[in-house]
Amino acid sequence: MTLKEIEATVKQFLVEELEIDEEKITLEARLKEDMGIDSLDLVDIVVIVDKIFGIRIKAEDMKGIVTLNDFCNYIAEHQNQ
């Protein structure tokens, strides 16, 4: 998957599964502060990413992911491992 496809897929599941307002979802948006993603949402996101992309996100890796762009880049880097 290309980075653009990853971004579109992530945006889609954030809107559909977590019911985040589409206007809040930008690459520069911070997951917690701007989009309101809490620790329970992060658990859901980890499960969704594993199901869609086949990537298991480690808790320690999530600490370094601040923005949606960071998150999409993380998926891109780990999708073929």
C-alpha atoms as a PDB file:
ATOM      1  CA  MET A   1       0.000   0.000   0.000  1.00  0.00           C
ATOM      2  CA  THR A   2       1.239   3.480  -0.763  1.00  0.00           C
ATOM      3  CA  LEU A   3       1.383   6.182   1.898  1.00  0.00           C
ATOM      4  CA  LYS A   4      -1.618   7.934   0.307  1.00  0.00           C
ATOM      5  CA  GLU A   5      -3.642   4.700   0.423  1.00  0.00           C
ATOM      6  CA  ILE A   6      -2.666   4.196   4.059  1.00  0.00           C
ATOM      7  CA  GLU A   7      -3.720   7.765   4.887  1.00  0.00           C
ATOM      8  CA  ALA A   8      -7.107   7.261   3.182  1.00  0.00           C
ATOM      9  CA  THR A   9      -7.687   3.925   4.934  1.00  0.00           C
ATOM     10  CA  VAL A  10      -6.753   5.336   8.343  1.00  0.00           C
ATOM     11  CA  LYS A  11      -8.975   8.373   7.830  1.00  0.00           C
ATOM     12  CA  GLN A  12     -11.853   6.108   6.833  1.00  0.00           C
ATOM     13  CA  PHE A  13     -11.643   3.901   9.937  1.00  0.00           C
ATOM     14  CA  LEU A  14     -11.211   6.916  12.230  1.00  0.00           C
ATOM     15  CA  VAL A  15     -14.476   8.336  10.887  1.00  0.00           C
ATOM     16  CA  GLU A  16     -16.398   5.060  10.677  1.00  0.00           C
ATOM     17  CA  GLU A  17     -15.144   3.110  13.685  1.00  0.00           C
ATOM     18  CA  LEU A  18     -14.243   5.850  16.169  1.00  0.00           C
ATOM     19  CA  GLU A  19     -16.739   8.431  14.913  1.00  0.00           C
ATOM     20  CA  ILE A  20     -14.174  11.223  14.790  1.00  0.00           C
ATOM     21  CA  ASP A  21     -15.341  14.341  12.965  1.00  0.00           C
ATOM     22  CA  GLU A  22     -13.805  14.263   9.482  1.00  0.00           C
ATOM     23  CA  GLU A  23     -12.852  17.935   9.748  1.00  0.00           C
ATOM     24  CA  LYS A  24     -10.542  17.143  12.679  1.00  0.00           C
ATOM     25  CA  ILE A  25      -8.598  14.543  10.697  1.00  0.00           C
ATOM     26  CA  THR A  26      -5.563  16.134   9.090  1.00  0.00           C
ATOM     27  CA  LEU A  27      -2.022  14.841   8.813  1.00  0.00           C
ATOM     28  CA  GLU A  28      -0.842  17.537  11.228  1.00  0.00           C
ATOM     29  CA  ALA A  29      -3.561  16.739  13.792  1.00  0.00           C
ATOM     30  CA  ARG A  30      -2.331  15.393  17.114  1.00  0.00           C
ATOM     31  CA  LEU A  31      -4.056  12.140  17.987  1.00  0.00           C
ATOM     32  CA  LYS A  32      -4.910  12.991  21.596  1.00  0.00           C
ATOM     33  CA  GLU A  33      -5.118  16.765  21.705  1.00  0.00           C
ATOM     34  CA  ASP A  34      -6.727  17.534  18.330  1.00  0.00           C
ATOM     35  CA  MET A  35      -8.728  14.396  17.555  1.00  0.00           C
ATOM     36  CA  GLY A  36      -9.638  13.444  21.133  1.00  0.00           C
ATOM     37  CA  ILE A  37      -8.296   9.900  20.917  1.00  0.00           C
ATOM     38  CA  ASP A  38      -8.034   8.411  24.401  1.00  0.00           C
ATOM     39  CA  SER A  39      -6.424   5.225  25.722  1.00  0.00           C
ATOM     40  CA  LEU A  40      -9.516   3.106  24.987  1.00  0.00           C
ATOM     41  CA  ASP A  41      -9.587   4.422  21.423  1.00  0.00           C
ATOM     42  CA  LEU A  42      -5.910   3.492  21.083  1.00  0.00           C
ATOM     43  CA  VAL A  43      -6.733  -0.100  21.990  1.00  0.00           C
ATOM     44  CA  ASP A  44      -9.378  -0.121  19.249  1.00  0.00           C
ATOM     45  CA  ILE A  45      -6.927   1.425  16.797  1.00  0.00           C
ATOM     46  CA  VAL A  46      -4.301  -1.243  17.537  1.00  0.00           C
ATOM     47  CA  VAL A  47      -6.867  -3.985  16.839  1.00  0.00           C
ATOM     48  CA  ILE A  48      -8.082  -2.298  13.638  1.00  0.00           C
ATOM     49  CA  VAL A  49      -4.536  -1.747  12.327  1.00  0.00           C
ATOM     50  CA  ASP A  50      -3.697  -5.391  13.004  1.00  0.00           C
ATOM     51  CA  LYS A  51      -6.828  -6.505  11.144  1.00  0.00           C
ATOM     52  CA  ILE A  52      -6.437  -4.176   8.144  1.00  0.00           C
ATOM     53  CA  PHE A  53      -2.665  -3.948   7.739  1.00  0.00           C
ATOM     54  CA  GLY A  54      -1.426  -7.033   9.608  1.00  0.00           C
ATOM     55  CA  ILE A  55       0.759  -4.856  11.855  1.00  0.00           C
ATOM     56  CA  ARG A  56       1.059  -5.288  15.599  1.00  0.00           C
ATOM     57  CA  ILE A  57       1.768  -1.918  17.159  1.00  0.00           C
ATOM     58  CA  LYS A  58       3.830  -2.085  20.336  1.00  0.00           C
ATOM     59  CA  ALA A  59       2.826   0.101  23.273  1.00  0.00           C
ATOM     60  CA  GLU A  60       6.292   1.654  23.435  1.00  0.00           C
ATOM     61  CA  ASP A  61       6.037   2.616  19.749  1.00  0.00           C
ATOM     62  CA  MET A  62       2.757   4.461  20.356  1.00  0.00           C
ATOM     63  CA  LYS A  63       4.545   6.803  22.764  1.00  0.00           C
ATOM     64  CA  GLY A  64       6.536   8.220  19.849  1.00  0.00           C
ATOM     65  CA  ILE A  65       3.490   8.711  17.640  1.00  0.00           C
ATOM     66  CA  VAL A  66       2.016  12.172  18.146  1.00  0.00           C
ATOM     67  CA  THR A  67       0.358  13.203  14.883  1.00  0.00           C
ATOM     68  CA  LEU A  68      -1.687  11.379  12.290  1.00  0.00           C
ATOM     69  CA  ASN A  69       1.260  11.781   9.915  1.00  0.00           C
ATOM     70  CA  ASP A  70       3.518   9.973  12.443  1.00  0.00           C
ATOM     71  CA  PHE A  71       0.947   7.193  12.671  1.00  0.00           C
ATOM     72  CA  CYS A  72       0.594   6.727   8.905  1.00  0.00           C
ATOM     73  CA  ASN A  73       4.372   6.765   8.455  1.00  0.00           C
ATOM     74  CA  TYR A  74       4.703   4.117  11.173  1.00  0.00           C
ATOM     75  CA  ILE A  75       2.259   1.873   9.302  1.00  0.00           C
ATOM     76  CA  ALA A  76       4.081   2.477   6.003  1.00  0.00           C
ATOM     77  CA  GLU A  77       7.422   1.569   7.560  1.00  0.00           C
ATOM     78  CA  HIS A  78       6.145  -1.618   9.199  1.00  0.00           C
ATOM     79  CA  GLN A  79       3.663  -2.972   6.664  1.00  0.00           C
ATOM     80  CA  ASN A  80       6.081  -5.343   4.944  1.00  0.00           C
ATOM     81  CA  GLN A  81       7.927  -6.671   7.959  1.00  0.00           C
END
